[in-house]
Amino acid sequence: MGCGFGLLANYLALTSEDRDVLGIDLSEERIASALDTIGDRKNINFIRADIKNVNIADCDIVVMTDFLHHISFERQEALLKDIFMRLKSGGRLILQDIDSSCSWRYFFTRGLDQSLNIGKPLFYRDKNSWEKLLRMPDFDIKVFHRNVFFLSDILFICDKKEG
């Protein structure tokens, strides 16, 4: 979800022919570019859609990179609960987004993001708020700060317990 031009989706599809990969993004331009990369491969597809309207099938892994802060807090919560329900037993959610904990990296990241999204509302969370949101029953969570360069990124690996 939020696949952009499909770089990660292509990597995942190319590293295993047994893996079926679906990339979803709202941007028509990005999805058009991503579709141009498919060629004759059958294990990858891209769709342009608003995640609010996507009904994903049960899946093993969901990757969400740097887009949840573009949807309302209520929508973030609803989407994550829906994904949790659709993840198979033993499935994994990989989520990367902005950590709004007060730091110079956050202020730099926020300024950059706001300059790229003029007039659009942004919904940032701090590490504790992200963790609270992801603390669902039967979810094991690992947290990694990804303060790369000047960005205030945080990465969550969330494994749904088997059974």
N, C-alpha and C. Protein backbone atom coordinates (compact mmCIF):
# COMPACT_ATOMS: atom_id res chain seq x y z
N MET A 1 0.85 -1.18 0.00
CA MET A 1 0.00 0.00 0.00
C MET A 1 0.88 1.23 0.00
N GLY A 2 0.55 2.16 -0.90
CA GLY A 2 1.39 3.33 -1.06
C GLY A 2 2.66 2.97 -1.81
N CYS A 3 2.52 2.19 -2.87
CA CYS A 3 3.68 1.60 -3.58
C CYS A 3 4.45 2.58 -4.43
N GLY A 4 3.89 3.75 -4.70
CA GLY A 4 4.59 4.72 -5.53
C GLY A 4 4.88 4.17 -6.91
N PHE A 5 6.13 4.28 -7.36
CA PHE A 5 6.53 3.82 -8.68
C PHE A 5 6.78 2.32 -8.75
N GLY A 6 6.63 1.62 -7.62
CA GLY A 6 6.71 0.16 -7.62
C GLY A 6 8.08 -0.43 -7.41
N LEU A 7 9.03 0.33 -6.91
CA LEU A 7 10.39 -0.19 -6.74
C LEU A 7 10.43 -1.38 -5.78
N LEU A 8 9.88 -1.22 -4.59
CA LEU A 8 9.89 -2.32 -3.62
C LEU A 8 9.03 -3.49 -4.12
N ALA A 9 7.88 -3.19 -4.68
CA ALA A 9 7.00 -4.26 -5.19
C ALA A 9 7.72 -5.08 -6.25
N ASN A 10 8.43 -4.41 -7.15
CA ASN A 10 9.18 -5.13 -8.18
C ASN A 10 10.29 -5.98 -7.57
N TYR A 11 10.98 -5.43 -6.62
CA TYR A 11 12.04 -6.21 -5.95
C TYR A 11 11.45 -7.48 -5.33
N LEU A 12 10.34 -7.32 -4.62
CA LEU A 12 9.72 -8.49 -3.97
C LEU A 12 9.27 -9.53 -5.00
N ALA A 13 8.72 -9.08 -6.12
CA ALA A 13 8.25 -10.02 -7.15
C ALA A 13 9.43 -10.69 -7.86
N LEU A 14 10.49 -9.94 -8.09
CA LEU A 14 11.65 -10.49 -8.80
C LEU A 14 12.45 -11.49 -7.96
N THR A 15 12.40 -11.35 -6.65
CA THR A 15 13.19 -12.24 -5.80
C THR A 15 12.49 -13.55 -5.49
N SER A 16 11.24 -13.71 -5.92
CA SER A 16 10.55 -14.98 -5.75
C SER A 16 9.38 -15.07 -6.72
N GLU A 17 9.46 -16.02 -7.64
CA GLU A 17 8.36 -16.22 -8.57
C GLU A 17 7.13 -16.81 -7.88
N ASP A 18 7.32 -17.37 -6.68
CA ASP A 18 6.21 -17.94 -5.92
C ASP A 18 5.42 -16.88 -5.17
N ARG A 19 5.89 -15.66 -5.19
CA ARG A 19 5.28 -14.57 -4.44
C ARG A 19 4.36 -13.78 -5.37
N ASP A 20 3.12 -13.57 -4.95
CA ASP A 20 2.19 -12.70 -5.69
C ASP A 20 2.19 -11.33 -5.03
N VAL A 21 2.51 -10.30 -5.80
CA VAL A 21 2.66 -8.95 -5.26
C VAL A 21 1.63 -8.03 -5.91
N LEU A 22 0.94 -7.27 -5.08
CA LEU A 22 -0.01 -6.27 -5.54
C LEU A 22 0.42 -4.92 -4.97
N GLY A 23 0.68 -3.96 -5.85
CA GLY A 23 1.02 -2.61 -5.43
C GLY A 23 -0.19 -1.70 -5.61
N ILE A 24 -0.46 -0.88 -4.59
CA ILE A 24 -1.62 0.02 -4.61
C ILE A 24 -1.12 1.42 -4.32
N ASP A 25 -1.57 2.39 -5.14
CA ASP A 25 -1.22 3.78 -4.89
C ASP A 25 -2.32 4.66 -5.46
N LEU A 26 -2.48 5.84 -4.90
CA LEU A 26 -3.51 6.77 -5.35
C LEU A 26 -3.08 7.55 -6.59
N SER A 27 -1.80 7.70 -6.80
CA SER A 27 -1.28 8.52 -7.89
C SER A 27 -1.39 7.80 -9.24
N GLU A 28 -2.12 8.41 -10.15
CA GLU A 28 -2.26 7.83 -11.50
C GLU A 28 -0.91 7.78 -12.21
N GLU A 29 -0.11 8.82 -12.07
CA GLU A 29 1.20 8.88 -12.71
C GLU A 29 2.12 7.78 -12.18
N ARG A 30 2.13 7.59 -10.89
CA ARG A 30 3.02 6.58 -10.31
C ARG A 30 2.59 5.17 -10.71
N ILE A 31 1.30 4.92 -10.68
CA ILE A 31 0.81 3.59 -11.07
C ILE A 31 1.08 3.34 -12.55
N ALA A 32 0.92 4.35 -13.40
CA ALA A 32 1.22 4.18 -14.84
C ALA A 32 2.70 3.79 -15.02
N SER A 33 3.58 4.44 -14.29
CA SER A 33 5.01 4.09 -14.37
C SER A 33 5.25 2.68 -13.86
N ALA A 34 4.61 2.34 -12.75
CA ALA A 34 4.78 1.00 -12.18
C ALA A 34 4.27 -0.07 -13.14
N LEU A 35 3.14 0.16 -13.79
CA LEU A 35 2.58 -0.81 -14.74
C LEU A 35 3.53 -1.05 -15.91
N ASP A 36 4.27 -0.03 -16.30
CA ASP A 36 5.24 -0.18 -17.39
C ASP A 36 6.38 -1.13 -17.05
N THR A 37 6.56 -1.44 -15.78
CA THR A 37 7.68 -2.30 -15.36
C THR A 37 7.33 -3.78 -15.33
N ILE A 38 6.08 -4.13 -15.49
CA ILE A 38 5.64 -5.51 -15.30
C ILE A 38 6.15 -6.46 -16.38
N GLY A 39 6.09 -6.01 -17.61
CA GLY A 39 6.47 -6.90 -18.71
C GLY A 39 5.52 -8.09 -18.77
N ASP A 40 6.08 -9.31 -18.91
CA ASP A 40 5.24 -10.51 -19.00
C ASP A 40 5.15 -11.26 -17.67
N ARG A 41 5.63 -10.65 -16.61
CA ARG A 41 5.57 -11.33 -15.30
C ARG A 41 4.13 -11.43 -14.83
N LYS A 42 3.81 -12.59 -14.27
CA LYS A 42 2.44 -12.86 -13.82
C LYS A 42 2.28 -12.70 -12.31
N ASN A 43 3.38 -12.53 -11.58
CA ASN A 43 3.30 -12.50 -10.11
C ASN A 43 3.27 -11.09 -9.54
N ILE A 44 3.01 -10.09 -10.37
CA ILE A 44 2.95 -8.71 -9.89
C ILE A 44 1.88 -7.95 -10.65
N ASN A 45 1.21 -7.06 -9.93
CA ASN A 45 0.22 -6.18 -10.54
C ASN A 45 0.17 -4.89 -9.73
N PHE A 46 -0.29 -3.84 -10.36
CA PHE A 46 -0.45 -2.55 -9.71
C PHE A 46 -1.84 -2.03 -10.00
N ILE A 47 -2.45 -1.41 -9.00
CA ILE A 47 -3.75 -0.76 -9.21
C ILE A 47 -3.73 0.63 -8.61
N ARG A 48 -4.41 1.52 -9.31
CA ARG A 48 -4.61 2.86 -8.77
C ARG A 48 -5.90 2.84 -7.99
N ALA A 49 -5.79 3.15 -6.71
CA ALA A 49 -6.98 3.14 -5.87
C ALA A 49 -6.73 3.95 -4.61
N ASP A 50 -7.80 4.45 -4.07
CA ASP A 50 -7.76 5.09 -2.76
C ASP A 50 -7.87 3.96 -1.74
N ILE A 51 -6.94 3.89 -0.82
CA ILE A 51 -6.93 2.78 0.13
C ILE A 51 -8.22 2.70 0.93
N LYS A 52 -8.95 3.80 1.02
CA LYS A 52 -10.23 3.79 1.72
C LYS A 52 -11.22 2.87 1.03
N ASN A 53 -11.01 2.65 -0.27
CA ASN A 53 -11.97 1.88 -1.06
C ASN A 53 -11.44 0.51 -1.48
N VAL A 54 -10.29 0.11 -0.97
CA VAL A 54 -9.69 -1.15 -1.39
C VAL A 54 -10.11 -2.25 -0.42
N ASN A 55 -10.56 -3.34 -0.98
CA ASN A 55 -10.93 -4.50 -0.18
C ASN A 55 -9.91 -5.60 -0.50
N ILE A 56 -8.84 -5.65 0.30
CA ILE A 56 -7.78 -6.63 0.03
C ILE A 56 -8.19 -8.00 0.53
N ALA A 57 -7.74 -9.00 -0.18
CA ALA A 57 -7.99 -10.38 0.22
C ALA A 57 -7.06 -10.74 1.37
N ASP A 58 -7.31 -11.88 1.99
CA ASP A 58 -6.40 -12.34 3.05
C ASP A 58 -5.00 -12.43 2.47
N CYS A 59 -4.03 -11.98 3.25
CA CYS A 59 -2.67 -11.93 2.72
C CYS A 59 -1.66 -12.30 3.80
N ASP A 60 -0.46 -12.62 3.33
CA ASP A 60 0.63 -13.00 4.22
C ASP A 60 1.38 -11.80 4.76
N ILE A 61 1.58 -10.80 3.91
CA ILE A 61 2.36 -9.63 4.30
C ILE A 61 1.74 -8.38 3.69
N VAL A 62 1.71 -7.30 4.48
CA VAL A 62 1.31 -5.99 3.99
C VAL A 62 2.44 -5.03 4.32
N VAL A 63 2.86 -4.26 3.32
CA VAL A 63 3.91 -3.25 3.51
C VAL A 63 3.28 -1.89 3.28
N MET A 64 3.45 -1.00 4.26
CA MET A 64 2.93 0.37 4.17
C MET A 64 4.09 1.32 4.43
N THR A 65 4.45 2.10 3.43
CA THR A 65 5.62 2.96 3.56
C THR A 65 5.25 4.43 3.37
N ASP A 66 5.43 5.19 4.40
CA ASP A 66 5.33 6.65 4.35
C ASP A 66 4.07 7.20 3.71
N PHE A 67 2.92 6.66 4.07
CA PHE A 67 1.71 7.29 3.55
C PHE A 67 0.60 7.43 4.58
N LEU A 68 0.68 6.71 5.70
CA LEU A 68 -0.43 6.79 6.65
C LEU A 68 -0.64 8.22 7.17
N HIS A 69 0.41 9.00 7.27
CA HIS A 69 0.25 10.37 7.77
C HIS A 69 -0.52 11.26 6.79
N HIS A 70 -0.86 10.73 5.63
CA HIS A 70 -1.67 11.47 4.67
C HIS A 70 -3.16 11.21 4.82
N ILE A 71 -3.53 10.31 5.73
CA ILE A 71 -4.96 10.04 5.96
C ILE A 71 -5.28 10.34 7.43
N SER A 72 -6.54 10.61 7.70
CA SER A 72 -6.95 11.03 9.04
C SER A 72 -6.64 9.97 10.09
N PHE A 73 -6.55 10.40 11.34
CA PHE A 73 -6.28 9.46 12.43
C PHE A 73 -7.34 8.36 12.48
N GLU A 74 -8.60 8.74 12.26
CA GLU A 74 -9.68 7.75 12.28
C GLU A 74 -9.50 6.72 11.17
N ARG A 75 -9.12 7.19 9.99
CA ARG A 75 -8.91 6.30 8.84
C ARG A 75 -7.70 5.42 9.06
N GLN A 76 -6.64 5.96 9.68
CA GLN A 76 -5.46 5.15 10.02
C GLN A 76 -5.87 3.98 10.90
N GLU A 77 -6.64 4.29 11.94
CA GLU A 77 -7.08 3.25 12.89
C GLU A 77 -7.94 2.20 12.20
N ALA A 78 -8.91 2.65 11.42
CA ALA A 78 -9.80 1.71 10.73
C ALA A 78 -9.03 0.83 9.75
N LEU A 79 -8.12 1.43 9.00
CA LEU A 79 -7.34 0.68 8.02
C LEU A 79 -6.46 -0.36 8.69
N LEU A 80 -5.78 0.01 9.76
CA LEU A 80 -4.89 -0.93 10.44
C LEU A 80 -5.69 -2.08 11.08
N LYS A 81 -6.85 -1.80 11.61
CA LYS A 81 -7.69 -2.87 12.16
C LYS A 81 -8.15 -3.81 11.05
N ASP A 82 -8.52 -3.24 9.90
CA ASP A 82 -8.94 -4.05 8.77
C ASP A 82 -7.79 -4.94 8.28
N ILE A 83 -6.61 -4.37 8.18
CA ILE A 83 -5.45 -5.15 7.74
C ILE A 83 -5.15 -6.25 8.73
N PHE A 84 -5.21 -5.94 10.02
CA PHE A 84 -4.96 -6.96 11.03
C PHE A 84 -5.92 -8.14 10.85
N MET A 85 -7.19 -7.85 10.59
CA MET A 85 -8.19 -8.90 10.41
C MET A 85 -7.91 -9.72 9.14
N ARG A 86 -7.35 -9.11 8.12
CA ARG A 86 -7.11 -9.79 6.85
C ARG A 86 -5.77 -10.50 6.78
N LEU A 87 -4.87 -10.19 7.71
CA LEU A 87 -3.59 -10.90 7.73
C LEU A 87 -3.83 -12.34 8.15
N LYS A 88 -3.23 -13.24 7.44
CA LYS A 88 -3.32 -14.64 7.81
C LYS A 88 -2.59 -14.88 9.13
N SER A 89 -2.91 -15.97 9.78
CA SER A 89 -2.19 -16.37 10.99
C SER A 89 -0.71 -16.48 10.64
N GLY A 90 0.15 -15.86 11.42
CA GLY A 90 1.57 -15.85 11.12
C GLY A 90 1.96 -14.77 10.12
N GLY A 91 1.00 -13.93 9.70
CA GLY A 91 1.26 -12.87 8.74
C GLY A 91 2.04 -11.72 9.36
N ARG A 92 2.45 -10.82 8.51
CA ARG A 92 3.31 -9.71 8.96
C ARG A 92 2.88 -8.39 8.33
N LEU A 93 2.85 -7.36 9.16
CA LEU A 93 2.66 -5.99 8.71
C LEU A 93 3.99 -5.27 8.89
N ILE A 94 4.48 -4.66 7.82
CA ILE A 94 5.68 -3.84 7.89
C ILE A 94 5.23 -2.41 7.61
N LEU A 95 5.42 -1.55 8.60
CA LEU A 95 4.94 -0.18 8.50
C LEU A 95 6.08 0.79 8.78
N GLN A 96 6.29 1.71 7.87
CA GLN A 96 7.24 2.79 8.09
C GLN A 96 6.52 4.10 7.91
N ASP A 97 6.73 5.02 8.85
CA ASP A 97 6.14 6.33 8.74
C ASP A 97 6.97 7.32 9.55
N ILE A 98 6.44 8.49 9.73
CA ILE A 98 7.15 9.56 10.42
C ILE A 98 6.89 9.48 11.92
N ASP A 99 7.96 9.63 12.70
CA ASP A 99 7.86 9.72 14.16
C ASP A 99 7.86 11.20 14.51
N SER A 100 6.74 11.68 15.06
CA SER A 100 6.62 13.11 15.36
C SER A 100 7.18 13.47 16.73
N SER A 101 7.89 12.55 17.37
CA SER A 101 8.54 12.91 18.63
C SER A 101 9.42 14.13 18.37
N CYS A 102 9.41 15.02 19.33
CA CYS A 102 10.09 16.30 19.15
C CYS A 102 11.59 16.11 18.95
N SER A 103 12.04 16.38 17.75
CA SER A 103 13.46 16.33 17.44
C SER A 103 13.71 17.18 16.21
N TRP A 104 14.93 17.55 15.97
CA TRP A 104 15.24 18.35 14.79
C TRP A 104 14.94 17.56 13.52
N ARG A 105 15.09 16.23 13.58
CA ARG A 105 14.78 15.41 12.39
C ARG A 105 13.30 15.48 12.04
N TYR A 106 12.45 15.44 13.08
CA TYR A 106 11.01 15.53 12.84
C TYR A 106 10.67 16.87 12.21
N PHE A 107 11.20 17.96 12.74
CA PHE A 107 10.88 19.28 12.19
C PHE A 107 11.37 19.41 10.75
N PHE A 108 12.50 18.83 10.44
CA PHE A 108 12.99 18.84 9.05
C PHE A 108 12.06 18.02 8.17
N THR A 109 11.71 16.81 8.63
CA THR A 109 10.83 15.91 7.86
C THR A 109 9.47 16.57 7.64
N ARG A 110 8.92 17.15 8.70
CA ARG A 110 7.61 17.81 8.59
C ARG A 110 7.66 18.95 7.59
N GLY A 111 8.71 19.78 7.67
CA GLY A 111 8.84 20.90 6.73
C GLY A 111 8.93 20.42 5.29
N LEU A 112 9.71 19.39 5.06
CA LEU A 112 9.85 18.82 3.72
C LEU A 112 8.51 18.28 3.24
N ASP A 113 7.83 17.51 4.09
CA ASP A 113 6.55 16.90 3.73
C ASP A 113 5.51 17.97 3.44
N GLN A 114 5.46 19.00 4.26
CA GLN A 114 4.47 20.06 4.06
C GLN A 114 4.75 20.84 2.78
N SER A 115 6.03 21.00 2.43
CA SER A 115 6.34 21.71 1.18
C SER A 115 5.94 20.89 -0.05
N LEU A 116 5.90 19.59 0.08
CA LEU A 116 5.49 18.72 -1.02
C LEU A 116 3.98 18.50 -1.08
N ASN A 117 3.29 18.88 -0.01
CA ASN A 117 1.84 18.65 0.10
C ASN A 117 1.13 19.92 0.55
N ILE A 118 1.40 21.01 -0.14
CA ILE A 118 0.85 22.32 0.24
C ILE A 118 -0.67 22.26 0.26
N GLY A 119 -1.23 22.70 1.39
CA GLY A 119 -2.68 22.78 1.54
C GLY A 119 -3.37 21.48 1.90
N LYS A 120 -2.61 20.40 1.97
CA LYS A 120 -3.21 19.11 2.32
C LYS A 120 -2.98 18.83 3.80
N PRO A 121 -3.99 18.31 4.50
CA PRO A 121 -3.79 18.00 5.92
C PRO A 121 -2.87 16.80 6.09
N LEU A 122 -2.05 16.83 7.13
CA LEU A 122 -1.14 15.74 7.45
C LEU A 122 -1.39 15.33 8.89
N PHE A 123 -1.28 14.04 9.17
CA PHE A 123 -1.67 13.49 10.46
C PHE A 123 -0.51 12.67 11.03
N TYR A 124 0.38 13.36 11.73
CA TYR A 124 1.57 12.73 12.28
C TYR A 124 1.29 12.12 13.65
N ARG A 125 2.01 11.06 13.95
CA ARG A 125 1.96 10.42 15.27
C ARG A 125 3.38 10.30 15.81
N ASP A 126 3.46 10.28 17.14
CA ASP A 126 4.77 10.01 17.73
C ASP A 126 4.89 8.51 17.99
N LYS A 127 6.08 8.09 18.36
CA LYS A 127 6.37 6.66 18.56
C LYS A 127 5.36 6.00 19.49
N ASN A 128 5.04 6.65 20.61
CA ASN A 128 4.12 6.06 21.58
C ASN A 128 2.72 5.90 21.01
N SER A 129 2.28 6.89 20.24
CA SER A 129 0.95 6.81 19.62
C SER A 129 0.90 5.69 18.58
N TRP A 130 1.97 5.56 17.77
CA TRP A 130 2.03 4.45 16.80
C TRP A 130 1.96 3.12 17.53
N GLU A 131 2.76 2.97 18.59
CA GLU A 131 2.79 1.70 19.32
C GLU A 131 1.42 1.39 19.91
N LYS A 132 0.78 2.39 20.50
CA LYS A 132 -0.55 2.19 21.08
C LYS A 132 -1.54 1.74 20.01
N LEU A 133 -1.47 2.37 18.85
CA LEU A 133 -2.37 2.03 17.75
C LEU A 133 -2.15 0.59 17.27
N LEU A 134 -0.89 0.15 17.28
CA LEU A 134 -0.55 -1.19 16.77
C LEU A 134 -0.67 -2.29 17.82
N ARG A 135 -0.92 -1.94 19.06
CA ARG A 135 -1.05 -2.95 20.12
C ARG A 135 -2.40 -3.63 20.04
N MET A 136 -2.52 -4.53 19.09
CA MET A 136 -3.74 -5.31 18.93
C MET A 136 -3.48 -6.69 19.52
N PRO A 137 -4.53 -7.35 19.94
CA PRO A 137 -4.32 -8.71 20.46
C PRO A 137 -3.62 -9.57 19.41
N ASP A 138 -2.74 -10.39 19.85
CA ASP A 138 -2.04 -11.35 18.98
C ASP A 138 -1.11 -10.69 17.96
N PHE A 139 -0.61 -9.51 18.26
CA PHE A 139 0.39 -8.84 17.44
C PHE A 139 1.67 -8.70 18.25
N ASP A 140 2.76 -9.24 17.75
CA ASP A 140 4.08 -9.00 18.33
C ASP A 140 4.73 -7.88 17.54
N ILE A 141 5.22 -6.85 18.23
CA ILE A 141 5.72 -5.66 17.57
C ILE A 141 7.19 -5.43 17.89
N LYS A 142 7.95 -5.15 16.84
CA LYS A 142 9.34 -4.72 16.99
C LYS A 142 9.43 -3.31 16.42
N VAL A 143 10.16 -2.44 17.09
CA VAL A 143 10.26 -1.04 16.69
C VAL A 143 11.71 -0.71 16.37
N PHE A 144 11.91 -0.02 15.25
CA PHE A 144 13.24 0.41 14.85
C PHE A 144 13.18 1.87 14.43
N HIS A 145 14.00 2.71 15.04
CA HIS A 145 14.11 4.09 14.58
C HIS A 145 14.97 4.09 13.33
N ARG A 146 14.48 4.71 12.30
CA ARG A 146 15.18 4.75 11.02
C ARG A 146 15.58 6.18 10.71
N ASN A 147 16.28 6.81 11.62
CA ASN A 147 16.70 8.19 11.41
C ASN A 147 17.82 8.22 10.37
N VAL A 148 17.41 8.15 9.13
CA VAL A 148 18.35 8.12 8.02
C VAL A 148 18.49 9.55 7.49
N PHE A 149 19.71 9.98 7.36
CA PHE A 149 20.00 11.34 6.91
C PHE A 149 19.30 12.32 7.84
N PHE A 150 18.38 13.11 7.30
CA PHE A 150 17.72 14.12 8.10
C PHE A 150 16.26 13.76 8.40
N LEU A 151 15.87 12.54 8.11
CA LEU A 151 14.47 12.15 8.22
C LEU A 151 14.17 11.46 9.55
N SER A 152 12.96 11.67 10.03
CA SER A 152 12.52 11.10 11.30
C SER A 152 11.59 9.92 11.04
N ASP A 153 12.15 8.83 10.57
CA ASP A 153 11.34 7.66 10.23
C ASP A 153 11.37 6.64 11.36
N ILE A 154 10.28 5.92 11.47
CA ILE A 154 10.19 4.82 12.43
C ILE A 154 9.62 3.61 11.69
N LEU A 155 10.14 2.44 11.99
CA LEU A 155 9.76 1.21 11.32
C LEU A 155 9.19 0.25 12.34
N PHE A 156 8.05 -0.33 12.01
CA PHE A 156 7.41 -1.34 12.86
C PHE A 156 7.31 -2.65 12.08
N ILE A 157 7.75 -3.72 12.70
CA ILE A 157 7.55 -5.07 12.17
C ILE A 157 6.55 -5.73 13.11
N CYS A 158 5.37 -6.00 12.60
CA CYS A 158 4.27 -6.52 13.41
C CYS A 158 3.89 -7.91 12.92
N ASP A 159 4.12 -8.90 13.75
CA ASP A 159 3.82 -10.29 13.40
C ASP A 159 2.54 -10.74 14.08
N LYS A 160 1.63 -11.27 13.30
CA LYS A 160 0.39 -11.81 13.85
C LYS A 160 0.67 -13.23 14.34
N LYS A 161 0.38 -13.47 15.59
CA LYS A 161 0.68 -14.77 16.19
C LYS A 161 -0.11 -15.86 15.48
N GLU A 162 0.50 -17.02 15.42
CA GLU A 162 -0.15 -18.19 14.79
C GLU A 162 -1.25 -18.71 15.71
N GLY A 163 -2.28 -19.20 15.07
CA GLY A 163 -3.33 -19.84 15.85
C GLY A 163 -4.56 -19.12 15.82
